[in-house]
Amino acid sequence: EDLEMSGFGISHTVKYGVDENGTFF
């Protein structure tokens, strides 16, 4: 999943998920 957030002084992109090994990243 990708999540993008923006505020007054910062923008932030977060990517998270489960890869093919079953590991959360």
PDB file of all heavy atoms in Angstrom:
ATOM      1  N   GLU A   1       0.852  -1.180   0.000  1.00  0.00           N
ATOM      2  CA  GLU A   1       0.000   0.000   0.000  1.00  0.00           C
ATOM      3  C   GLU A   1       0.893   1.237   0.000  1.00  0.00           C
ATOM      4  O   GLU A   1       1.993   1.220   0.551  1.00  0.00           O
ATOM      5  CB  GLU A   1      -0.883   0.048   1.253  1.00  0.00           C
ATOM      6  CG  GLU A   1      -1.963  -0.985   1.299  1.00  0.00           C
ATOM      7  CD  GLU A   1      -3.140  -0.653   0.402  1.00  0.00           C
ATOM      8  OE1 GLU A   1      -3.358   0.519   0.077  1.00  0.00           O
ATOM      9  OE2 GLU A   1      -3.851  -1.585   0.039  1.00  0.00           O
ATOM     10  N   ASP A   2       0.416   2.293  -0.624  1.00  0.00           N
ATOM     11  CA  ASP A   2       1.082   3.595  -0.601  1.00  0.00           C
ATOM     12  C   ASP A   2       0.145   4.589   0.057  1.00  0.00           C
ATOM     13  O   ASP A   2      -1.052   4.587  -0.198  1.00  0.00           O
ATOM     14  CB  ASP A   2       1.395   4.092  -2.015  1.00  0.00           C
ATOM     15  CG  ASP A   2       2.467   3.253  -2.687  1.00  0.00           C
ATOM     16  OD1 ASP A   2       3.324   2.708  -1.986  1.00  0.00           O
ATOM     17  OD2 ASP A   2       2.439   3.156  -3.921  1.00  0.00           O
ATOM     18  N   LEU A   3       0.725   5.453   0.877  1.00  0.00           N
ATOM     19  CA  LEU A   3      -0.043   6.475   1.566  1.00  0.00           C
ATOM     20  C   LEU A   3       0.716   7.782   1.429  1.00  0.00           C
ATOM     21  O   LEU A   3       1.911   7.839   1.721  1.00  0.00           O
ATOM     22  CB  LEU A   3      -0.192   6.087   3.041  1.00  0.00           C
ATOM     23  CG  LEU A   3      -0.912   7.048   3.962  1.00  0.00           C
ATOM     24  CD1 LEU A   3      -2.373   7.149   3.562  1.00  0.00           C
ATOM     25  CD2 LEU A   3      -0.784   6.591   5.393  1.00  0.00           C
ATOM     26  N   GLU A   4       0.044   8.817   0.957  1.00  0.00           N
ATOM     27  CA  GLU A   4       0.664  10.130   0.803  1.00  0.00           C
ATOM     28  C   GLU A   4      -0.086  11.131   1.658  1.00  0.00           C
ATOM     29  O   GLU A   4      -1.313  11.167   1.653  1.00  0.00           O
ATOM     30  CB  GLU A   4       0.640  10.567  -0.657  1.00  0.00           C
ATOM     31  CG  GLU A   4       1.457   9.670  -1.551  1.00  0.00           C
ATOM     32  CD  GLU A   4       1.466  10.137  -2.995  1.00  0.00           C
ATOM     33  OE1 GLU A   4       1.108  11.303  -3.237  1.00  0.00           O
ATOM     34  OE2 GLU A   4       1.817   9.336  -3.852  1.00  0.00           O
ATOM     35  N   MET A   5       0.684  11.940   2.401  1.00  0.00           N
ATOM     36  CA  MET A   5       0.100  12.952   3.277  1.00  0.00           C
ATOM     37  C   MET A   5       0.839  14.263   3.059  1.00  0.00           C
ATOM     38  O   MET A   5       2.044  14.267   2.830  1.00  0.00           O
ATOM     39  CB  MET A   5       0.263  12.531   4.734  1.00  0.00           C
ATOM     40  CG  MET A   5      -0.392  11.222   5.088  1.00  0.00           C
ATOM     41  SD  MET A   5       0.094  10.624   6.715  1.00  0.00           S
ATOM     42  CE  MET A   5       1.660   9.849   6.303  1.00  0.00           C
ATOM     43  N   SER A   6       0.131  15.367   3.144  1.00  0.00           N
ATOM     44  CA  SER A   6       0.754  16.681   3.035  1.00  0.00           C
ATOM     45  C   SER A   6       0.187  17.592   4.105  1.00  0.00           C
ATOM     46  O   SER A   6      -0.993  17.525   4.432  1.00  0.00           O
ATOM     47  CB  SER A   6       0.500  17.302   1.662  1.00  0.00           C
ATOM     48  OG  SER A   6       1.207  16.605   0.680  1.00  0.00           O
ATOM     49  N   GLY A   7       1.056  18.434   4.622  1.00  0.00           N
ATOM     50  CA  GLY A   7       0.653  19.405   5.621  1.00  0.00           C
ATOM     51  C   GLY A   7       1.238  20.757   5.289  1.00  0.00           C
ATOM     52  O   GLY A   7       1.699  21.011   4.173  1.00  0.00           O
ATOM     53  N   PHE A   8       1.278  21.636   6.259  1.00  0.00           N
ATOM     54  CA  PHE A   8       1.752  23.000   6.035  1.00  0.00           C
ATOM     55  C   PHE A   8       3.244  23.032   5.694  1.00  0.00           C
ATOM     56  O   PHE A   8       3.663  23.739   4.799  1.00  0.00           O
ATOM     57  CB  PHE A   8       1.493  23.859   7.275  1.00  0.00           C
ATOM     58  CG  PHE A   8       1.950  25.267   7.127  1.00  0.00           C
ATOM     59  CD1 PHE A   8       1.315  26.131   6.246  1.00  0.00           C
ATOM     60  CD2 PHE A   8       3.021  25.741   7.853  1.00  0.00           C
ATOM     61  CE1 PHE A   8       1.735  27.429   6.104  1.00  0.00           C
ATOM     62  CE2 PHE A   8       3.454  27.036   7.719  1.00  0.00           C
ATOM     63  CZ  PHE A   8       2.809  27.880   6.841  1.00  0.00           C
ATOM     64  N   GLY A   9       4.061  22.244   6.374  1.00  0.00           N
ATOM     65  CA  GLY A   9       5.496  22.316   6.155  1.00  0.00           C
ATOM     66  C   GLY A   9       6.154  21.022   5.732  1.00  0.00           C
ATOM     67  O   GLY A   9       7.380  20.949   5.625  1.00  0.00           O
ATOM     68  N   ILE A  10       5.367  19.968   5.503  1.00  0.00           N
ATOM     69  CA  ILE A  10       5.971  18.680   5.155  1.00  0.00           C
ATOM     70  C   ILE A  10       5.009  17.881   4.275  1.00  0.00           C
ATOM     71  O   ILE A  10       3.794  17.988   4.391  1.00  0.00           O
ATOM     72  CB  ILE A  10       6.323  17.868   6.421  1.00  0.00           C
ATOM     73  CG1 ILE A  10       7.079  16.592   6.064  1.00  0.00           C
ATOM     74  CG2 ILE A  10       5.081  17.552   7.219  1.00  0.00           C
ATOM     75  CD1 ILE A  10       7.657  15.877   7.266  1.00  0.00           C
ATOM     76  N   SER A  11       5.584  17.107   3.388  1.00  0.00           N
ATOM     77  CA  SER A  11       4.856  16.083   2.636  1.00  0.00           C
ATOM     78  C   SER A  11       5.520  14.759   2.962  1.00  0.00           C
ATOM     79  O   SER A  11       6.734  14.696   3.165  1.00  0.00           O
ATOM     80  CB  SER A  11       4.908  16.347   1.139  1.00  0.00           C
ATOM     81  OG  SER A  11       4.212  17.518   0.824  1.00  0.00           O
ATOM     82  N   HIS A  12       4.742  13.706   3.018  1.00  0.00           N
ATOM     83  CA  HIS A  12       5.284  12.423   3.453  1.00  0.00           C
ATOM     84  C   HIS A  12       4.668  11.308   2.619  1.00  0.00           C
ATOM     85  O   HIS A  12       3.461  11.272   2.421  1.00  0.00           O
ATOM     86  CB  HIS A  12       4.950  12.216   4.933  1.00  0.00           C
ATOM     87  CG  HIS A  12       5.849  11.275   5.629  1.00  0.00           C
ATOM     88  ND1 HIS A  12       6.931  11.702   6.345  1.00  0.00           N
ATOM     89  CD2 HIS A  12       5.849   9.942   5.702  1.00  0.00           C
ATOM     90  CE1 HIS A  12       7.554  10.656   6.857  1.00  0.00           C
ATOM     91  NE2 HIS A  12       6.909   9.570   6.472  1.00  0.00           N
ATOM     92  N   THR A  13       5.499  10.410   2.133  1.00  0.00           N
ATOM     93  CA  THR A  13       5.048   9.228   1.409  1.00  0.00           C
ATOM     94  C   THR A  13       5.462   8.003   2.215  1.00  0.00           C
ATOM     95  O   THR A  13       6.623   7.875   2.606  1.00  0.00           O
ATOM     96  CB  THR A  13       5.667   9.161   0.008  1.00  0.00           C
ATOM     97  OG1 THR A  13       5.339  10.348  -0.690  1.00  0.00           O
ATOM     98  CG2 THR A  13       5.150   7.971  -0.763  1.00  0.00           C
ATOM     99  N   VAL A  14       4.513   7.113   2.466  1.00  0.00           N
ATOM    100  CA  VAL A  14       4.766   5.890   3.223  1.00  0.00           C
ATOM    101  C   VAL A  14       4.357   4.710   2.354  1.00  0.00           C
ATOM    102  O   VAL A  14       3.283   4.702   1.767  1.00  0.00           O
ATOM    103  CB  VAL A  14       3.957   5.871   4.540  1.00  0.00           C
ATOM    104  CG1 VAL A  14       4.198   4.577   5.296  1.00  0.00           C
ATOM    105  CG2 VAL A  14       4.280   7.074   5.397  1.00  0.00           C
ATOM    106  N   LYS A  15       5.235   3.725   2.258  1.00  0.00           N
ATOM    107  CA  LYS A  15       4.922   2.491   1.545  1.00  0.00           C
ATOM    108  C   LYS A  15       5.132   1.345   2.524  1.00  0.00           C
ATOM    109  O   LYS A  15       6.156   1.280   3.194  1.00  0.00           O
ATOM    110  CB  LYS A  15       5.825   2.319   0.330  1.00  0.00           C
ATOM    111  CG  LYS A  15       5.505   1.081  -0.481  1.00  0.00           C
ATOM    112  CD  LYS A  15       6.327   1.019  -1.752  1.00  0.00           C
ATOM    113  CE  LYS A  15       5.892  -0.157  -2.594  1.00  0.00           C
ATOM    114  NZ  LYS A  15       6.573  -0.197  -3.877  1.00  0.00           N
ATOM    115  N   TYR A  16       4.144   0.461   2.618  1.00  0.00           N
ATOM    116  CA  TYR A  16       4.255  -0.674   3.519  1.00  0.00           C
ATOM    117  C   TYR A  16       3.556  -1.870   2.902  1.00  0.00           C
ATOM    118  O   TYR A  16       2.766  -1.730   1.973  1.00  0.00           O
ATOM    119  CB  TYR A  16       3.661  -0.356   4.894  1.00  0.00           C
ATOM    120  CG  TYR A  16       2.196  -0.021   4.858  1.00  0.00           C
ATOM    121  CD1 TYR A  16       1.249  -1.008   5.063  1.00  0.00           C
ATOM    122  CD2 TYR A  16       1.761   1.268   4.605  1.00  0.00           C
ATOM    123  CE1 TYR A  16      -0.102  -0.715   5.022  1.00  0.00           C
ATOM    124  CE2 TYR A  16       0.412   1.578   4.563  1.00  0.00           C
ATOM    125  CZ  TYR A  16      -0.509   0.583   4.776  1.00  0.00           C
ATOM    126  OH  TYR A  16      -1.842   0.879   4.727  1.00  0.00           O
ATOM    127  N   GLY A  17       3.884  -3.034   3.404  1.00  0.00           N
ATOM    128  CA  GLY A  17       3.242  -4.230   2.891  1.00  0.00           C
ATOM    129  C   GLY A  17       3.927  -5.496   3.347  1.00  0.00           C
ATOM    130  O   GLY A  17       4.758  -5.479   4.247  1.00  0.00           O
ATOM    131  N   VAL A  18       3.564  -6.580   2.700  1.00  0.00           N
ATOM    132  CA  VAL A  18       4.143  -7.893   2.963  1.00  0.00           C
ATOM    133  C   VAL A  18       4.757  -8.371   1.660  1.00  0.00           C
ATOM    134  O   VAL A  18       4.087  -8.422   0.632  1.00  0.00           O
ATOM    135  CB  VAL A  18       3.073  -8.885   3.460  1.00  0.00           C
ATOM    136  CG1 VAL A  18       3.673 -10.261   3.674  1.00  0.00           C
ATOM    137  CG2 VAL A  18       2.423  -8.375   4.733  1.00  0.00           C
ATOM    138  N   ASP A  19       6.060  -8.699   1.691  1.00  0.00           N
ATOM    139  CA  ASP A  19       6.732  -9.131   0.462  1.00  0.00           C
ATOM    140  C   ASP A  19       6.539 -10.625   0.223  1.00  0.00           C
ATOM    141  O   ASP A  19       5.833 -11.302   0.974  1.00  0.00           O
ATOM    142  CB  ASP A  19       8.213  -8.742   0.492  1.00  0.00           C
ATOM    143  CG  ASP A  19       9.006  -9.440   1.584  1.00  0.00           C
ATOM    144  OD1 ASP A  19       8.482 -10.376   2.216  1.00  0.00           O
ATOM    145  OD2 ASP A  19      10.168  -9.039   1.793  1.00  0.00           O
ATOM    146  N   GLU A  20       7.177 -11.135  -0.836  1.00  0.00           N
ATOM    147  CA  GLU A  20       6.972 -12.542  -1.213  1.00  0.00           C
ATOM    148  C   GLU A  20       7.542 -13.533  -0.202  1.00  0.00           C
ATOM    149  O   GLU A  20       7.201 -14.705  -0.216  1.00  0.00           O
ATOM    150  CB  GLU A  20       7.559 -12.818  -2.603  1.00  0.00           C
ATOM    151  CG  GLU A  20       8.989 -12.404  -2.782  1.00  0.00           C
ATOM    152  CD  GLU A  20       9.147 -10.945  -3.177  1.00  0.00           C
ATOM    153  OE1 GLU A  20       8.171 -10.300  -3.546  1.00  0.00           O
ATOM    154  OE2 GLU A  20      10.280 -10.448  -3.084  1.00  0.00           O
ATOM    155  N   ASN A  21       8.394 -13.063   0.727  1.00  0.00           N
ATOM    156  CA  ASN A  21       8.909 -13.933   1.792  1.00  0.00           C
ATOM    157  C   ASN A  21       8.012 -13.928   3.021  1.00  0.00           C
ATOM    158  O   ASN A  21       8.299 -14.604   3.996  1.00  0.00           O
ATOM    159  CB  ASN A  21      10.313 -13.485   2.206  1.00  0.00           C
ATOM    160  CG  ASN A  21      11.291 -13.607   1.068  1.00  0.00           C
ATOM    161  OD1 ASN A  21      11.223 -14.539   0.272  1.00  0.00           O
ATOM    162  ND2 ASN A  21      12.212 -12.667   0.970  1.00  0.00           N
ATOM    163  N   GLY A  22       6.949 -13.137   2.991  1.00  0.00           N
ATOM    164  CA  GLY A  22       6.049 -13.040   4.128  1.00  0.00           C
ATOM    165  C   GLY A  22       6.534 -12.061   5.181  1.00  0.00           C
ATOM    166  O   GLY A  22       6.034 -12.043   6.302  1.00  0.00           O
ATOM    167  N   THR A  23       7.513 -11.222   4.827  1.00  0.00           N
ATOM    168  CA  THR A  23       8.086 -10.255   5.750  1.00  0.00           C
ATOM    169  C   THR A  23       7.419  -8.897   5.584  1.00  0.00           C
ATOM    170  O   THR A  23       7.278  -8.410   4.462  1.00  0.00           O
ATOM    171  CB  THR A  23       9.605 -10.108   5.490  1.00  0.00           C
ATOM    172  OG1 THR A  23      10.199 -11.402   5.539  1.00  0.00           O
ATOM    173  CG2 THR A  23      10.247  -9.203   6.519  1.00  0.00           C
ATOM    174  N   PHE A  24       7.033  -8.288   6.700  1.00  0.00           N
ATOM    175  CA  PHE A  24       6.446  -6.952   6.673  1.00  0.00           C
ATOM    176  C   PHE A  24       7.552  -5.935   6.422  1.00  0.00           C
ATOM    177  O   PHE A  24       8.643  -6.029   6.978  1.00  0.00           O
ATOM    178  CB  PHE A  24       5.763  -6.658   8.008  1.00  0.00           C
ATOM    179  CG  PHE A  24       5.171  -5.282   8.073  1.00  0.00           C
ATOM    180  CD1 PHE A  24       3.967  -5.015   7.454  1.00  0.00           C
ATOM    181  CD2 PHE A  24       5.815  -4.273   8.748  1.00  0.00           C
ATOM    182  CE1 PHE A  24       3.411  -3.745   7.506  1.00  0.00           C
ATOM    183  CE2 PHE A  24       5.275  -3.001   8.809  1.00  0.00           C
ATOM    184  CZ  PHE A  24       4.070  -2.743   8.185  1.00  0.00           C
ATOM    185  N   PHE A  25       7.305  -4.947   5.565  1.00  0.00           N
ATOM    186  CA  PHE A  25       8.279  -3.883   5.340  1.00  0.00           C
ATOM    187  C   PHE A  25       7.587  -2.532   5.374  1.00  0.00           C
ATOM    188  O   PHE A  25       6.375  -2.429   5.174  1.00  0.00           O
ATOM    189  CB  PHE A  25       9.026  -4.076   4.009  1.00  0.00           C
ATOM    190  CG  PHE A  25       8.161  -3.856   2.803  1.00  0.00           C
ATOM    191  CD1 PHE A  25       8.075  -2.609   2.215  1.00  0.00           C
ATOM    192  CD2 PHE A  25       7.442  -4.895   2.248  1.00  0.00           C
ATOM    193  CE1 PHE A  25       7.283  -2.400   1.107  1.00  0.00           C
ATOM    194  CE2 PHE A  25       6.640  -4.699   1.146  1.00  0.00           C
ATOM    195  CZ  PHE A  25       6.557  -3.450   0.569  1.00  0.00           C
TER     196      PHE A  25
END
